[in-house]
Amino acid sequence: MSRLPELAERIDRLVLRHEELARTNALLTQQLQSVLAERDNLRSRLAAARARVEILLDRLPADAPSAGQPGTAE
């Protein structure tokens, strides 16, 4: 029966470790949600910027030379 206190101590350590891991998991879950929200926000901003660029490109005259193309004066 001398192993009973050892087992009790080990169980206590396991319970503490479990609680610590549960807290860590909760923090990581919060961080993940924050990062995912930031990613979604950035994707939305990127899509809006792309749309604005497309609108600007559509407004350019079709026969306008692009800067940096061979044969154009810079």
N, C-alpha and C. Protein backbone atom coordinates (compact mmCIF):
# COMPACT_ATOMS: atom_id res chain seq x y z
N MET A 1 0.81 -1.21 0.00
CA MET A 1 0.00 0.00 0.00
C MET A 1 0.85 1.27 0.00
N SER A 2 2.16 1.13 0.03
CA SER A 2 3.01 2.31 0.03
C SER A 2 2.97 3.02 -1.32
N ARG A 3 2.46 2.33 -2.35
CA ARG A 3 2.38 2.95 -3.68
C ARG A 3 1.20 3.89 -3.79
N LEU A 4 0.26 3.80 -2.89
CA LEU A 4 -0.93 4.64 -2.96
C LEU A 4 -0.59 6.13 -2.89
N PRO A 5 0.26 6.59 -1.96
CA PRO A 5 0.63 8.02 -1.96
C PRO A 5 1.35 8.44 -3.25
N GLU A 6 2.17 7.54 -3.79
CA GLU A 6 2.85 7.85 -5.06
C GLU A 6 1.85 8.03 -6.19
N LEU A 7 0.87 7.13 -6.22
CA LEU A 7 -0.16 7.23 -7.25
C LEU A 7 -0.99 8.51 -7.09
N ALA A 8 -1.32 8.84 -5.85
CA ALA A 8 -2.09 10.05 -5.59
C ALA A 8 -1.31 11.29 -6.04
N GLU A 9 -0.02 11.32 -5.74
CA GLU A 9 0.82 12.44 -6.16
C GLU A 9 0.90 12.52 -7.69
N ARG A 10 1.05 11.39 -8.29
CA ARG A 10 1.13 11.36 -9.76
C ARG A 10 -0.17 11.83 -10.40
N ILE A 11 -1.28 11.40 -9.82
CA ILE A 11 -2.58 11.83 -10.33
C ILE A 11 -2.73 13.34 -10.17
N ASP A 12 -2.30 13.87 -9.01
CA ASP A 12 -2.37 15.32 -8.80
C ASP A 12 -1.55 16.06 -9.86
N ARG A 13 -0.36 15.55 -10.15
CA ARG A 13 0.48 16.19 -11.17
C ARG A 13 -0.17 16.11 -12.54
N LEU A 14 -0.79 14.98 -12.84
CA LEU A 14 -1.48 14.83 -14.12
C LEU A 14 -2.66 15.78 -14.24
N VAL A 15 -3.39 15.96 -13.15
CA VAL A 15 -4.53 16.89 -13.16
C VAL A 15 -4.03 18.31 -13.38
N LEU A 16 -2.95 18.69 -12.69
CA LEU A 16 -2.39 20.03 -12.89
C LEU A 16 -1.91 20.22 -14.33
N ARG A 17 -1.26 19.22 -14.85
CA ARG A 17 -0.77 19.30 -16.23
C ARG A 17 -1.94 19.42 -17.21
N HIS A 18 -3.00 18.67 -16.96
CA HIS A 18 -4.19 18.74 -17.81
C HIS A 18 -4.79 20.15 -17.77
N GLU A 19 -4.89 20.73 -16.59
CA GLU A 19 -5.43 22.09 -16.47
C GLU A 19 -4.55 23.10 -17.19
N GLU A 20 -3.24 22.93 -17.07
CA GLU A 20 -2.30 23.81 -17.76
C GLU A 20 -2.46 23.70 -19.28
N LEU A 21 -2.56 22.48 -19.77
CA LEU A 21 -2.74 22.27 -21.20
C LEU A 21 -4.08 22.80 -21.68
N ALA A 22 -5.11 22.69 -20.86
CA ALA A 22 -6.42 23.22 -21.23
C ALA A 22 -6.36 24.74 -21.35
N ARG A 23 -5.65 25.41 -20.42
CA ARG A 23 -5.49 26.87 -20.50
C ARG A 23 -4.69 27.26 -21.74
N THR A 24 -3.62 26.52 -22.00
CA THR A 24 -2.81 26.79 -23.19
C THR A 24 -3.63 26.61 -24.45
N ASN A 25 -4.41 25.57 -24.48
CA ASN A 25 -5.27 25.31 -25.64
C ASN A 25 -6.27 26.44 -25.84
N ALA A 26 -6.85 26.94 -24.76
CA ALA A 26 -7.81 28.05 -24.86
C ALA A 26 -7.12 29.30 -25.40
N LEU A 27 -5.92 29.59 -24.93
CA LEU A 27 -5.18 30.75 -25.42
C LEU A 27 -4.84 30.59 -26.90
N LEU A 28 -4.40 29.41 -27.28
CA LEU A 28 -4.07 29.17 -28.69
C LEU A 28 -5.31 29.27 -29.57
N THR A 29 -6.43 28.82 -29.07
CA THR A 29 -7.68 28.92 -29.82
C THR A 29 -8.05 30.38 -30.02
N GLN A 30 -7.89 31.20 -28.98
CA GLN A 30 -8.16 32.64 -29.11
C GLN A 30 -7.21 33.28 -30.13
N GLN A 31 -5.94 32.93 -30.06
CA GLN A 31 -4.97 33.48 -31.01
C GLN A 31 -5.32 33.07 -32.43
N LEU A 32 -5.70 31.82 -32.61
CA LEU A 32 -6.07 31.33 -33.93
C LEU A 32 -7.26 32.11 -34.47
N GLN A 33 -8.28 32.32 -33.64
CA GLN A 33 -9.45 33.07 -34.08
C GLN A 33 -9.07 34.49 -34.47
N SER A 34 -8.17 35.09 -33.71
CA SER A 34 -7.71 36.45 -34.02
C SER A 34 -6.97 36.48 -35.35
N VAL A 35 -6.09 35.53 -35.56
CA VAL A 35 -5.32 35.47 -36.80
C VAL A 35 -6.24 35.19 -37.99
N LEU A 36 -7.21 34.31 -37.80
CA LEU A 36 -8.15 34.02 -38.89
C LEU A 36 -8.98 35.25 -39.23
N ALA A 37 -9.39 36.01 -38.23
CA ALA A 37 -10.15 37.24 -38.48
C ALA A 37 -9.29 38.25 -39.22
N GLU A 38 -8.03 38.37 -38.82
CA GLU A 38 -7.12 39.28 -39.50
C GLU A 38 -6.90 38.84 -40.95
N ARG A 39 -6.74 37.54 -41.16
CA ARG A 39 -6.57 37.01 -42.52
C ARG A 39 -7.79 37.33 -43.37
N ASP A 40 -8.98 37.11 -42.82
CA ASP A 40 -10.19 37.39 -43.57
C ASP A 40 -10.30 38.87 -43.92
N ASN A 41 -9.92 39.72 -42.96
CA ASN A 41 -9.94 41.16 -43.20
C ASN A 41 -8.97 41.53 -44.32
N LEU A 42 -7.76 40.97 -44.28
CA LEU A 42 -6.77 41.26 -45.31
C LEU A 42 -7.21 40.75 -46.68
N ARG A 43 -7.83 39.58 -46.70
CA ARG A 43 -8.35 39.06 -47.97
C ARG A 43 -9.41 39.99 -48.54
N SER A 44 -10.27 40.48 -47.68
CA SER A 44 -11.32 41.39 -48.11
C SER A 44 -10.71 42.69 -48.65
N ARG A 45 -9.73 43.22 -47.94
CA ARG A 45 -9.07 44.44 -48.41
C ARG A 45 -8.35 44.21 -49.73
N LEU A 46 -7.72 43.04 -49.88
CA LEU A 46 -7.04 42.71 -51.12
C LEU A 46 -8.03 42.63 -52.28
N ALA A 47 -9.15 42.00 -52.04
CA ALA A 47 -10.17 41.89 -53.09
C ALA A 47 -10.68 43.27 -53.49
N ALA A 48 -10.88 44.14 -52.52
CA ALA A 48 -11.33 45.50 -52.82
C ALA A 48 -10.27 46.25 -53.62
N ALA A 49 -9.00 46.10 -53.23
CA ALA A 49 -7.91 46.76 -53.95
C ALA A 49 -7.83 46.23 -55.38
N ARG A 50 -7.97 44.93 -55.55
CA ARG A 50 -7.94 44.35 -56.90
C ARG A 50 -9.07 44.91 -57.76
N ALA A 51 -10.24 45.02 -57.14
CA ALA A 51 -11.38 45.56 -57.88
C ALA A 51 -11.10 47.00 -58.31
N ARG A 52 -10.52 47.79 -57.41
CA ARG A 52 -10.19 49.18 -57.76
C ARG A 52 -9.16 49.23 -58.89
N VAL A 53 -8.16 48.35 -58.84
CA VAL A 53 -7.15 48.31 -59.90
C VAL A 53 -7.79 47.91 -61.22
N GLU A 54 -8.67 46.92 -61.19
CA GLU A 54 -9.36 46.50 -62.41
C GLU A 54 -10.17 47.65 -63.01
N ILE A 55 -10.84 48.42 -62.16
CA ILE A 55 -11.61 49.56 -62.64
C ILE A 55 -10.68 50.58 -63.28
N LEU A 56 -9.56 50.85 -62.63
CA LEU A 56 -8.60 51.80 -63.19
C LEU A 56 -8.03 51.30 -64.52
N LEU A 57 -7.73 50.01 -64.59
CA LEU A 57 -7.21 49.44 -65.85
C LEU A 57 -8.25 49.53 -66.96
N ASP A 58 -9.51 49.32 -66.63
CA ASP A 58 -10.57 49.40 -67.63
C ASP A 58 -10.74 50.82 -68.14
N ARG A 59 -10.38 51.80 -67.33
CA ARG A 59 -10.53 53.20 -67.73
C ARG A 59 -9.37 53.68 -68.62
N LEU A 60 -8.28 52.93 -68.65
CA LEU A 60 -7.16 53.31 -69.51
C LEU A 60 -7.54 53.15 -70.98
N PRO A 61 -7.08 54.07 -71.81
CA PRO A 61 -7.35 53.90 -73.25
C PRO A 61 -6.63 52.65 -73.76
N ALA A 62 -7.24 51.98 -74.69
CA ALA A 62 -6.70 50.72 -75.21
C ALA A 62 -5.41 50.93 -75.98
N ASP A 63 -5.24 52.09 -76.62
CA ASP A 63 -4.06 52.33 -77.44
C ASP A 63 -2.96 53.08 -76.71
N ALA A 64 -3.11 53.29 -75.40
CA ALA A 64 -2.08 54.01 -74.63
C ALA A 64 -0.87 53.11 -74.43
N PRO A 65 0.36 53.60 -74.76
CA PRO A 65 1.56 52.78 -74.53
C PRO A 65 1.85 52.67 -73.04
N SER A 66 2.30 51.51 -72.65
CA SER A 66 2.65 51.28 -71.25
C SER A 66 4.05 51.76 -71.00
N ALA A 67 4.31 52.30 -69.83
CA ALA A 67 5.67 52.75 -69.46
C ALA A 67 6.58 51.54 -69.37
N GLY A 68 7.77 51.69 -69.89
CA GLY A 68 8.75 50.63 -69.76
C GLY A 68 8.72 49.61 -70.87
N GLN A 69 7.78 49.72 -71.82
CA GLN A 69 7.76 48.78 -72.94
C GLN A 69 8.81 49.19 -73.96
N PRO A 70 9.42 48.23 -74.63
CA PRO A 70 10.43 48.56 -75.65
C PRO A 70 9.80 49.42 -76.75
N GLY A 71 10.57 50.39 -77.20
CA GLY A 71 10.12 51.24 -78.28
C GLY A 71 9.35 52.46 -77.82
N THR A 72 9.19 52.64 -76.53
CA THR A 72 8.48 53.82 -76.03
C THR A 72 9.48 54.75 -75.38
N ALA A 73 9.21 56.01 -75.46
CA ALA A 73 10.09 57.00 -74.82
C ALA A 73 9.77 57.06 -73.34
N GLU A 74 10.80 57.13 -72.55
CA GLU A 74 10.57 57.19 -71.10
C GLU A 74 11.02 58.50 -70.55
